[in-house]
PDB file of N, CA and C in Angstrom:
ATOM      1  N   MET A   1      20.765  38.122  89.129  1.00  0.00           N
ATOM      2  CA  MET A   1      21.491  38.860  90.145  1.00  0.00           C
ATOM      3  C   MET A   1      21.401  40.187  90.632  1.00  0.00           C
ATOM      4  N   GLU A   2      20.440  41.274  89.692  1.00  0.00           N
ATOM      5  CA  GLU A   2      19.739  42.304  90.231  1.00  0.00           C
ATOM      6  C   GLU A   2      19.085  42.151  91.553  1.00  0.00           C
ATOM      7  N   ASN A   3      18.181  41.172  91.031  1.00  0.00           N
ATOM      8  CA  ASN A   3      16.904  41.263  92.359  1.00  0.00           C
ATOM      9  C   ASN A   3      17.695  40.973  93.793  1.00  0.00           C
ATOM     10  N   GLU A   4      19.011  39.878  93.446  1.00  0.00           N
ATOM     11  CA  GLU A   4      19.725  40.347  94.705  1.00  0.00           C
ATOM     12  C   GLU A   4      20.369  40.989  95.166  1.00  0.00           C
ATOM     13  N   LYS A   5      20.862  42.123  94.203  1.00  0.00           N
ATOM     14  CA  LYS A   5      21.654  43.318  94.648  1.00  0.00           C
ATOM     15  C   LYS A   5      20.320  44.073  95.533  1.00  0.00           C
ATOM     16  N   LYS A   6      19.155  44.408  94.711  1.00  0.00           N
ATOM     17  CA  LYS A   6      18.163  45.384  95.416  1.00  0.00           C
ATOM     18  C   LYS A   6      17.660  44.496  96.481  1.00  0.00           C
ATOM     19  N   SER A   7      17.631  43.266  96.390  1.00  0.00           N
ATOM     20  CA  SER A   7      16.976  42.684  97.656  1.00  0.00           C
ATOM     21  C   SER A   7      17.855  43.197  99.005  1.00  0.00           C
ATOM     22  N   TYR A   8      19.508  42.903  98.916  1.00  0.00           N
ATOM     23  CA  TYR A   8      20.581  43.158  99.686  1.00  0.00           C
ATOM     24  C   TYR A   8      20.896  44.885 100.086  1.00  0.00           C
ATOM     25  N   LEU A   9      20.334  45.798  99.154  1.00  0.00           N
ATOM     26  CA  LEU A   9      20.302  47.119  99.153  1.00  0.00           C
ATOM     27  C   LEU A   9      19.395  47.144  99.937  1.00  0.00           C
ATOM     28  N   GLN A  10      18.351  46.321 100.066  1.00  0.00           N
ATOM     29  CA  GLN A  10      16.780  46.968 101.173  1.00  0.00           C
ATOM     30  C   GLN A  10      17.049  46.346 102.607  1.00  0.00           C
ATOM     31  N   LYS A  11      17.922  45.270 102.607  1.00  0.00           N
ATOM     32  CA  LYS A  11      18.407  44.916 104.061  1.00  0.00           C
ATOM     33  C   LYS A  11      18.870  45.856 104.406  1.00  0.00           C
ATOM     34  N   LEU A  12      20.012  46.283 103.737  1.00  0.00           N
ATOM     35  CA  LEU A  12      20.916  47.354 104.409  1.00  0.00           C
ATOM     36  C   LEU A  12      20.122  48.752 104.536  1.00  0.00           C
ATOM     37  N   ALA A  13      19.307  49.212 104.002  1.00  0.00           N
ATOM     38  CA  ALA A  13      18.773  50.539 104.094  1.00  0.00           C
ATOM     39  C   ALA A  13      17.751  50.258 105.410  1.00  0.00           C
ATOM     40  N   ASP A  14      17.222  48.991 105.419  1.00  0.00           N
ATOM     41  CA  ASP A  14      16.283  48.861 107.376  1.00  0.00           C
ATOM     42  C   ASP A  14      17.328  48.701 108.022  1.00  0.00           C
ATOM     43  N   LYS A  15      18.483  48.251 108.203  1.00  0.00           N
ATOM     44  CA  LYS A  15      19.996  48.009 108.645  1.00  0.00           C
ATOM     45  C   LYS A  15      19.750  49.998 109.525  1.00  0.00           C
ATOM     46  N   ILE A  16      19.768  50.836 108.689  1.00  0.00           N
ATOM     47  CA  ILE A  16      20.055  52.381 109.067  1.00  0.00           C
ATOM     48  C   ILE A  16      19.009  52.807 109.979  1.00  0.00           C
ATOM     49  N   THR A  17      17.874  51.961 109.109  1.00  0.00           N
ATOM     50  CA  THR A  17      16.687  52.839 109.664  1.00  0.00           C
ATOM     51  C   THR A  17      16.936  51.897 111.592  1.00  0.00           C
ATOM     52  N   GLU A  18      16.872  51.070 111.413  1.00  0.00           N
ATOM     53  CA  GLU A  18      17.077  50.176 112.663  1.00  0.00           C
ATOM     54  C   GLU A  18      18.134  51.159 113.537  1.00  0.00           C
ATOM     55  N   PHE A  19      19.200  51.362 113.067  1.00  0.00           N
ATOM     56  CA  PHE A  19      20.416  52.221 113.357  1.00  0.00           C
ATOM     57  C   PHE A  19      20.306  53.535 114.283  1.00  0.00           C
ATOM     58  N   ASP A  20      18.943  53.926 113.353  1.00  0.00           N
ATOM     59  CA  ASP A  20      18.676  55.315 113.721  1.00  0.00           C
ATOM     60  C   ASP A  20      18.023  55.323 114.832  1.00  0.00           C
ATOM     61  N   ARG A  21      16.764  54.712 115.059  1.00  0.00           N
ATOM     62  CA  ARG A  21      15.906  54.076 116.097  1.00  0.00           C
ATOM     63  C   ARG A  21      16.723  53.814 117.526  1.00  0.00           C
ATOM     64  N   LYS A  22      18.070  53.368 117.458  1.00  0.00           N
ATOM     65  CA  LYS A  22      18.486  52.354 118.535  1.00  0.00           C
ATOM     66  C   LYS A  22      19.603  53.743 118.885  1.00  0.00           C
ATOM     67  N   ILE A  23      19.944  54.627 117.671  1.00  0.00           N
ATOM     68  CA  ILE A  23      20.532  55.853 118.331  1.00  0.00           C
ATOM     69  C   ILE A  23      19.732  57.089 118.832  1.00  0.00           C
ATOM     70  N   ASP A  24      18.638  56.766 118.713  1.00  0.00           N
ATOM     71  CA  ASP A  24      17.298  57.636 119.356  1.00  0.00           C
ATOM     72  C   ASP A  24      17.511  57.104 120.794  1.00  0.00           C
ATOM     73  N   GLU A  25      17.391  55.915 121.191  1.00  0.00           N
ATOM     74  CA  GLU A  25      16.677  55.566 121.990  1.00  0.00           C
ATOM     75  C   GLU A  25      18.247  55.820 123.324  1.00  0.00           C
ATOM     76  N   VAL A  26      19.495  55.716 122.351  1.00  0.00           N
ATOM     77  CA  VAL A  26      20.425  55.994 123.230  1.00  0.00           C
ATOM     78  C   VAL A  26      20.494  57.561 123.958  1.00  0.00           C
ATOM     79  N   LYS A  27      20.030  58.036 122.924  1.00  0.00           N
ATOM     80  CA  LYS A  27      19.816  60.135 123.088  1.00  0.00           C
ATOM     81  C   LYS A  27      19.007  59.651 124.060  1.00  0.00           C
ATOM     82  N   LYS A  28      17.751  58.940 124.086  1.00  0.00           N
ATOM     83  CA  LYS A  28      16.978  59.648 125.020  1.00  0.00           C
ATOM     84  C   LYS A  28      17.530  59.026 126.659  1.00  0.00           C
ATOM     85  N   GLN A  29      18.612  57.917 126.603  1.00  0.00           N
ATOM     86  CA  GLN A  29      18.892  57.586 127.745  1.00  0.00           C
ATOM     87  C   GLN A  29      19.843  58.346 128.185  1.00  0.00           C
ATOM     88  N   GLY A  30      20.783  59.205 127.680  1.00  0.00           N
ATOM     89  CA  GLY A  30      21.257  59.915 127.687  1.00  0.00           C
ATOM     90  C   GLY A  30      20.597  60.936 128.845  1.00  0.00           C
ATOM     91  N   SER A  31      20.027  61.655 127.850  1.00  0.00           N
ATOM     92  CA  SER A  31      19.302  62.750 128.259  1.00  0.00           C
ATOM     93  C   SER A  31      18.948  62.670 129.740  1.00  0.00           C
ATOM     94  N   GLU A  32      18.099  61.251 130.027  1.00  0.00           N
ATOM     95  CA  GLU A  32      17.522  61.440 130.753  1.00  0.00           C
ATOM     96  C   GLU A  32      18.937  60.867 132.115  1.00  0.00           C
ATOM     97  N   ALA A  33      19.776  60.895 132.194  1.00  0.00           N
ATOM     98  CA  ALA A  33      20.940  60.813 132.852  1.00  0.00           C
ATOM     99  C   ALA A  33      21.627  61.984 133.362  1.00  0.00           C
ATOM    100  N   ALA A  34      22.399  61.775 134.839  1.00  0.00           N
ATOM    101  CA  ALA A  34      22.463  62.903 135.305  1.00  0.00           C
ATOM    102  C   ALA A  34      23.565  64.185 134.574  1.00  0.00           C
ATOM    103  N   SER A  35      23.041  64.989 134.813  1.00  0.00           N
ATOM    104  CA  SER A  35      24.264  66.192 133.863  1.00  0.00           C
ATOM    105  C   SER A  35      25.197  66.274 133.649  1.00  0.00           C
ATOM    106  N   VAL A  36      26.231  65.498 135.025  1.00  0.00           N
ATOM    107  CA  VAL A  36      27.544  65.373 134.590  1.00  0.00           C
ATOM    108  C   VAL A  36      27.653  64.266 133.277  1.00  0.00           C
ATOM    109  N   MET A  37      26.943  63.264 133.487  1.00  0.00           N
ATOM    110  CA  MET A  37      27.232  62.079 132.368  1.00  0.00           C
ATOM    111  C   MET A  37      26.363  62.627 131.120  1.00  0.00           C
ATOM    112  N   LYS A  38      25.568  63.665 130.570  1.00  0.00           N
ATOM    113  CA  LYS A  38      25.585  63.983 129.590  1.00  0.00           C
ATOM    114  C   LYS A  38      26.397  64.058 128.068  1.00  0.00           C
ATOM    115  N   GLU A  39      27.343  64.731 128.775  1.00  0.00           N
ATOM    116  CA  GLU A  39      28.698  65.453 128.296  1.00  0.00           C
ATOM    117  C   GLU A  39      28.930  63.934 127.131  1.00  0.00           C
ATOM    118  N   ASP A  40      29.134  62.789 128.231  1.00  0.00           N
ATOM    119  CA  ASP A  40      29.778  61.382 127.548  1.00  0.00           C
ATOM    120  C   ASP A  40      28.720  60.805 126.772  1.00  0.00           C
ATOM    121  N   TYR A  41      27.195  61.175 126.950  1.00  0.00           N
ATOM    122  CA  TYR A  41      26.474  60.226 126.241  1.00  0.00           C
ATOM    123  C   TYR A  41      26.762  60.971 125.010  1.00  0.00           C
ATOM    124  N   GLY A  42      27.081  62.610 125.058  1.00  0.00           N
ATOM    125  CA  GLY A  42      26.664  63.289 124.040  1.00  0.00           C
ATOM    126  C   GLY A  42      27.573  62.733 122.609  1.00  0.00           C
ATOM    127  N   LYS A  43      28.768  62.395 123.559  1.00  0.00           N
ATOM    128  CA  LYS A  43      29.929  62.169 122.599  1.00  0.00           C
ATOM    129  C   LYS A  43      29.878  60.736 121.971  1.00  0.00           C
ATOM    130  N   LEU A  44      29.058  60.095 122.614  1.00  0.00           N
ATOM    131  CA  LEU A  44      29.176  58.793 122.467  1.00  0.00           C
ATOM    132  C   LEU A  44      27.815  59.127 121.184  1.00  0.00           C
ATOM    133  N   THR A  45      26.831  59.421 121.709  1.00  0.00           N
ATOM    134  CA  THR A  45      25.988  58.854 120.346  1.00  0.00           C
ATOM    135  C   THR A  45      26.702  60.160 119.071  1.00  0.00           C
ATOM    136  N   GLU A  46      27.191  60.942 119.102  1.00  0.00           N
ATOM    137  CA  GLU A  46      28.322  61.488 117.503  1.00  0.00           C
ATOM    138  C   GLU A  46      28.589  60.537 117.086  1.00  0.00           C
ATOM    139  N   GLU A  47      29.437  59.694 117.906  1.00  0.00           N
ATOM    140  CA  GLU A  47      30.394  58.593 117.367  1.00  0.00           C
ATOM    141  C   GLU A  47      29.363  57.599 116.758  1.00  0.00           C
ATOM    142  N   LEU A  48      28.457  57.321 117.171  1.00  0.00           N
ATOM    143  CA  LEU A  48      27.263  56.696 116.812  1.00  0.00           C
ATOM    144  C   LEU A  48      26.820  56.886 115.348  1.00  0.00           C
ATOM    145  N   LYS A  49      26.127  58.330 115.576  1.00  0.00           N
ATOM    146  CA  LYS A  49      26.212  58.938 114.416  1.00  0.00           C
ATOM    147  C   LYS A  49      27.045  59.063 113.015  1.00  0.00           C
ATOM    148  N   GLY A  50      28.136  58.961 113.178  1.00  0.00           N
ATOM    149  CA  GLY A  50      29.316  59.327 112.295  1.00  0.00           C
ATOM    150  C   GLY A  50      29.802  57.665 111.393  1.00  0.00           C
ATOM    151  N   LYS A  51      29.601  57.071 112.472  1.00  0.00           N
ATOM    152  CA  LYS A  51      29.446  54.995 112.070  1.00  0.00           C
ATOM    153  C   LYS A  51      28.238  55.243 111.065  1.00  0.00           C
ATOM    154  N   LYS A  52      26.949  55.487 111.601  1.00  0.00           N
ATOM    155  CA  LYS A  52      25.782  55.491 110.705  1.00  0.00           C
ATOM    156  C   LYS A  52      25.871  56.158 109.585  1.00  0.00           C
ATOM    157  N   ALA A  53      26.689  57.244 109.453  1.00  0.00           N
ATOM    158  CA  ALA A  53      26.695  57.890 108.470  1.00  0.00           C
ATOM    159  C   ALA A  53      27.677  57.529 107.134  1.00  0.00           C
ATOM    160  N   GLU A  54      28.979  56.788 108.011  1.00  0.00           N
ATOM    161  CA  GLU A  54      29.801  55.805 106.932  1.00  0.00           C
ATOM    162  C   GLU A  54      28.794  54.722 106.781  1.00  0.00           C
ATOM    163  N   ALA A  55      28.500  53.985 107.451  1.00  0.00           N
ATOM    164  CA  ALA A  55      27.708  52.805 106.792  1.00  0.00           C
ATOM    165  C   ALA A  55      26.856  53.230 105.392  1.00  0.00           C
ATOM    166  N   GLU A  56      25.704  54.549 105.401  1.00  0.00           N
ATOM    167  CA  GLU A  56      24.669  55.144 104.453  1.00  0.00           C
ATOM    168  C   GLU A  56      25.984  55.180 103.452  1.00  0.00           C
ATOM    169  N   GLN A  57      26.604  55.946 103.426  1.00  0.00           N
ATOM    170  CA  GLN A  57      27.588  56.249 102.240  1.00  0.00           C
ATOM    171  C   GLN A  57      28.192  54.866 101.563  1.00  0.00           C
ATOM    172  N   LYS A  58      28.358  54.237 102.667  1.00  0.00           N
ATOM    173  CA  LYS A  58      29.210  52.856 101.567  1.00  0.00           C
ATOM    174  C   LYS A  58      27.731  52.260 100.779  1.00  0.00           C
ATOM    175  N   LEU A  59      26.264  52.600 101.441  1.00  0.00           N
ATOM    176  CA  LEU A  59      25.176  51.802 100.810  1.00  0.00           C
ATOM    177  C   LEU A  59      24.996  52.873  99.588  1.00  0.00           C
ATOM    178  N   ASN A  60      25.324  53.860  99.795  1.00  0.00           N
ATOM    179  CA  ASN A  60      25.187  54.917  98.148  1.00  0.00           C
ATOM    180  C   ASN A  60      26.396  54.596  97.143  1.00  0.00           C
ATOM    181  N   GLN A  61      27.497  54.044  97.854  1.00  0.00           N
ATOM    182  CA  GLN A  61      28.221  53.267  96.678  1.00  0.00           C
ATOM    183  C   GLN A  61      27.977  52.617  96.089  1.00  0.00           C
ATOM    184  N   LEU A  62      27.225  51.265  96.933  1.00  0.00           N
ATOM    185  CA  LEU A  62      26.937  49.916  96.400  1.00  0.00           C
ATOM    186  C   LEU A  62      26.124  50.150  95.693  1.00  0.00           C
ATOM    187  N   LYS A  63      24.725  51.084  95.459  1.00  0.00           N
ATOM    188  CA  LYS A  63      23.826  51.483  94.151  1.00  0.00           C
ATOM    189  C   LYS A  63      24.610  51.381  92.887  1.00  0.00           C
ATOM    190  N   SER A  64      26.088  52.003  93.286  1.00  0.00           N
ATOM    191  CA  SER A  64      26.458  52.343  91.669  1.00  0.00           C
ATOM    192  C   SER A  64      27.063  51.512  90.959  1.00  0.00           C
ATOM    193  N   VAL A  65      27.164  50.005  92.034  1.00  0.00           N
ATOM    194  CA  VAL A  65      28.223  48.759  91.276  1.00  0.00           C
ATOM    195  C   VAL A  65      27.674  48.283  90.418  1.00  0.00           C
ATOM    196  N   SER A  66      27.926  47.286  90.068  1.00  0.00           N
ATOM    197  CA  SER A  66      27.362  46.241  88.958  1.00  0.00           C
ATOM    198  C   SER A  66      26.974  45.137  89.860  1.00  0.00           C
ATOM    199  N   SER A  67      25.893  44.140  89.234  1.00  0.00           N
ATOM    200  CA  SER A  67      25.594  43.131  90.380  1.00  0.00           C
ATOM    201  C   SER A  67      26.950  41.951  90.180  1.00  0.00           C
ATOM    202  N   GLU A  68      28.033  41.940  89.395  1.00  0.00           N
ATOM    203  CA  GLU A  68      28.979  41.493  89.517  1.00  0.00           C
ATOM    204  C   GLU A  68      29.770  41.738  90.619  1.00  0.00           C
ATOM    205  N   SER A  69      30.033  42.587  90.554  1.00  0.00           N
ATOM    206  CA  SER A  69      30.951  43.435  91.735  1.00  0.00           C
ATOM    207  C   SER A  69      30.735  42.978  93.392  1.00  0.00           C
ATOM    208  N   LEU A  70      29.333  42.940  93.701  1.00  0.00           N
ATOM    209  CA  LEU A  70      28.543  42.981  94.841  1.00  0.00           C
ATOM    210  C   LEU A  70      28.877  42.080  95.828  1.00  0.00           C
ATOM    211  N   ASP A  71      29.255  41.151  95.408  1.00  0.00           N
ATOM    212  CA  ASP A  71      30.017  40.122  96.700  1.00  0.00           C
ATOM    213  C   ASP A  71      31.159  40.988  96.873  1.00  0.00           C
ATOM    214  N   GLU A  72      32.026  41.445  96.246  1.00  0.00           N
ATOM    215  CA  GLU A  72      33.240  41.582  96.479  1.00  0.00           C
ATOM    216  C   GLU A  72      32.864  43.187  97.698  1.00  0.00           C
ATOM    217  N   ILE A  73      32.148  44.146  97.655  1.00  0.00           N
ATOM    218  CA  ILE A  73      32.130  44.856  98.442  1.00  0.00           C
ATOM    219  C   ILE A  73      31.175  44.750  99.309  1.00  0.00           C
ATOM    220  N   LYS A  74      29.882  43.459  99.402  1.00  0.00           N
ATOM    221  CA  LYS A  74      29.365  43.627 100.921  1.00  0.00           C
ATOM    222  C   LYS A  74      30.480  42.866 101.615  1.00  0.00           C
ATOM    223  N   LYS A  75      31.433  42.667 101.695  1.00  0.00           N
ATOM    224  CA  LYS A  75      32.724  42.394 102.989  1.00  0.00           C
ATOM    225  C   LYS A  75      32.764  43.546 103.617  1.00  0.00           C
ATOM    226  N   GLY A  76      32.812  44.886 102.764  1.00  0.00           N
ATOM    227  CA  GLY A  76      33.101  46.420 103.628  1.00  0.00           C
ATOM    228  C   GLY A  76      32.085  46.697 103.777  1.00  0.00           C
ATOM    229  N   VAL A  77      30.439  46.451 103.392  1.00  0.00           N
ATOM    230  CA  VAL A  77      29.801  46.990 103.910  1.00  0.00           C
ATOM    231  C   VAL A  77      29.207  46.340 104.869  1.00  0.00           C
ATOM    232  N   GLY A  78      29.437  45.241 105.168  1.00  0.00           N
ATOM    233  CA  GLY A  78      29.141  44.301 106.346  1.00  0.00           C
ATOM    234  C   GLY A  78      29.714  44.185 107.273  1.00  0.00           C
ATOM    235  N   GLN A  79      30.937  44.856 107.434  1.00  0.00           N
ATOM    236  CA  GLN A  79      31.865  45.497 108.288  1.00  0.00           C
ATOM    237  C   GLN A  79      31.616  46.648 108.976  1.00  0.00           C
ATOM    238  N   ALA A  80      30.981  47.351 108.043  1.00  0.00           N
ATOM    239  CA  ALA A  80      30.786  48.841 108.359  1.00  0.00           C
ATOM    240  C   ALA A  80      29.554  48.337 109.530  1.00  0.00           C
ATOM    241  N   VAL A  81      28.428  47.783 108.682  1.00  0.00           N
ATOM    242  CA  VAL A  81      27.778  47.383 109.956  1.00  0.00           C
ATOM    243  C   VAL A  81      27.841  46.862 110.869  1.00  0.00           C
ATOM    244  N   ASP A  82      28.734  45.898 111.063  1.00  0.00           N
ATOM    245  CA  ASP A  82      29.011  45.134 112.373  1.00  0.00           C
ATOM    246  C   ASP A  82      30.040  46.178 113.353  1.00  0.00           C
ATOM    247  N   ASP A  83      30.156  46.856 112.754  1.00  0.00           N
ATOM    248  CA  ASP A  83      30.749  48.129 113.585  1.00  0.00           C
ATOM    249  C   ASP A  83      29.979  49.022 114.376  1.00  0.00           C
ATOM    250  N   ILE A  84      28.889  49.716 113.639  1.00  0.00           N
ATOM    251  CA  ILE A  84      28.012  50.268 113.924  1.00  0.00           C
ATOM    252  C   ILE A  84      27.032  49.549 115.178  1.00  0.00           C
ATOM    253  N   SER A  85      26.791  47.989 114.787  1.00  0.00           N
ATOM    254  CA  SER A  85      25.865  47.226 115.951  1.00  0.00           C
ATOM    255  C   SER A  85      26.703  46.844 117.104  1.00  0.00           C
ATOM    256  N   GLN A  86      28.037  46.506 117.070  1.00  0.00           N
ATOM    257  CA  GLN A  86      28.907  47.066 118.059  1.00  0.00           C
ATOM    258  C   GLN A  86      29.288  48.176 119.181  1.00  0.00           C
ATOM    259  N   ALA A  87      29.153  49.265 118.210  1.00  0.00           N
ATOM    260  CA  ALA A  87      29.059  50.401 118.706  1.00  0.00           C
ATOM    261  C   ALA A  87      28.349  50.849 119.478  1.00  0.00           C
ATOM    262  N   ILE A  88      26.705  50.284 118.989  1.00  0.00           N
ATOM    263  CA  ILE A  88      25.729  50.529 119.952  1.00  0.00           C
ATOM    264  C   ILE A  88      25.612  49.287 120.919  1.00  0.00           C
ATOM    265  N   THR A  89      26.158  48.533 121.291  1.00  0.00           N
ATOM    266  CA  THR A  89      26.069  47.728 122.221  1.00  0.00           C
ATOM    267  C   THR A  89      26.929  48.252 123.169  1.00  0.00           C
ATOM    268  N   ASN A  90      28.096  48.449 122.942  1.00  0.00           N
ATOM    269  CA  ASN A  90      28.759  49.475 123.633  1.00  0.00           C
ATOM    270  C   ASN A  90      28.557  50.192 124.422  1.00  0.00           C
ATOM    271  N   VAL A  91      27.512  51.407 123.933  1.00  0.00           N
ATOM    272  CA  VAL A  91      27.021  52.202 124.506  1.00  0.00           C
ATOM    273  C   VAL A  91      26.187  51.891 125.408  1.00  0.00           C
ATOM    274  N   LYS A  92      25.327  50.813 124.737  1.00  0.00           N
ATOM    275  CA  LYS A  92      23.931  50.593 125.808  1.00  0.00           C
ATOM    276  C   LYS A  92      25.126  50.032 126.848  1.00  0.00           C
ATOM    277  N   ALA A  93      25.961  49.291 126.804  1.00  0.00           N
ATOM    278  CA  ALA A  93      26.540  48.580 128.315  1.00  0.00           C
ATOM    279  C   ALA A  93      27.197  49.713 129.097  1.00  0.00           C
ATOM    280  N   LYS A  94      27.999  50.873 128.631  1.00  0.00           N
ATOM    281  CA  LYS A  94      28.110  52.087 129.198  1.00  0.00           C
ATOM    282  C   LYS A  94      27.123  52.743 130.263  1.00  0.00           C
ATOM    283  N   LEU A  95      25.987  53.003 129.334  1.00  0.00           N
ATOM    284  CA  LEU A  95      24.703  53.472 129.677  1.00  0.00           C
ATOM    285  C   LEU A  95      24.612  52.721 131.204  1.00  0.00           C
ATOM    286  N   LYS A  96      24.184  51.559 130.931  1.00  0.00           N
ATOM    287  CA  LYS A  96      23.879  50.720 132.379  1.00  0.00           C
ATOM    288  C   LYS A  96      25.365  50.447 133.502  1.00  0.00           C
ATOM    289  N   GLU A  97      26.097  50.835 133.164  1.00  0.00           N
ATOM    290  CA  GLU A  97      26.919  51.304 134.126  1.00  0.00           C
ATOM    291  C   GLU A  97      27.435  52.343 134.651  1.00  0.00           C
ATOM    292  N   LYS A  98      26.591  53.161 134.111  1.00  0.00           N
ATOM    293  CA  LYS A  98      26.563  54.509 135.031  1.00  0.00           C
ATOM    294  C   LYS A  98      24.974  54.612 135.600  1.00  0.00           C
ATOM    295  N   LYS A  99      24.471  54.087 135.722  1.00  0.00           N
ATOM    296  CA  LYS A  99      23.093  54.263 136.187  1.00  0.00           C
ATOM    297  C   LYS A  99      23.009  54.209 137.309  1.00  0.00           C
TER     298      LYS A  99
END
């Protein structure tokens, strides 16, 4: 059970690293946009950073729970990861619309 927890924690840490990369991509695209739209992109990337911070907080909470509690907490963490993924998808769609 402890190996399952370690594996899950590593998977989440990898996801958070991936989110950092995607947020950086969005920031780059936003910085290349017209100056009128840059403020919108700045707000969107700040929102993404906030969601990523929430996921990191949940990951840190997971590190301190027992392996037996892991299944219960996975649901909340999974929702946070899904929220970030959806937010990134939405931001990328907005970037495409405004080009």
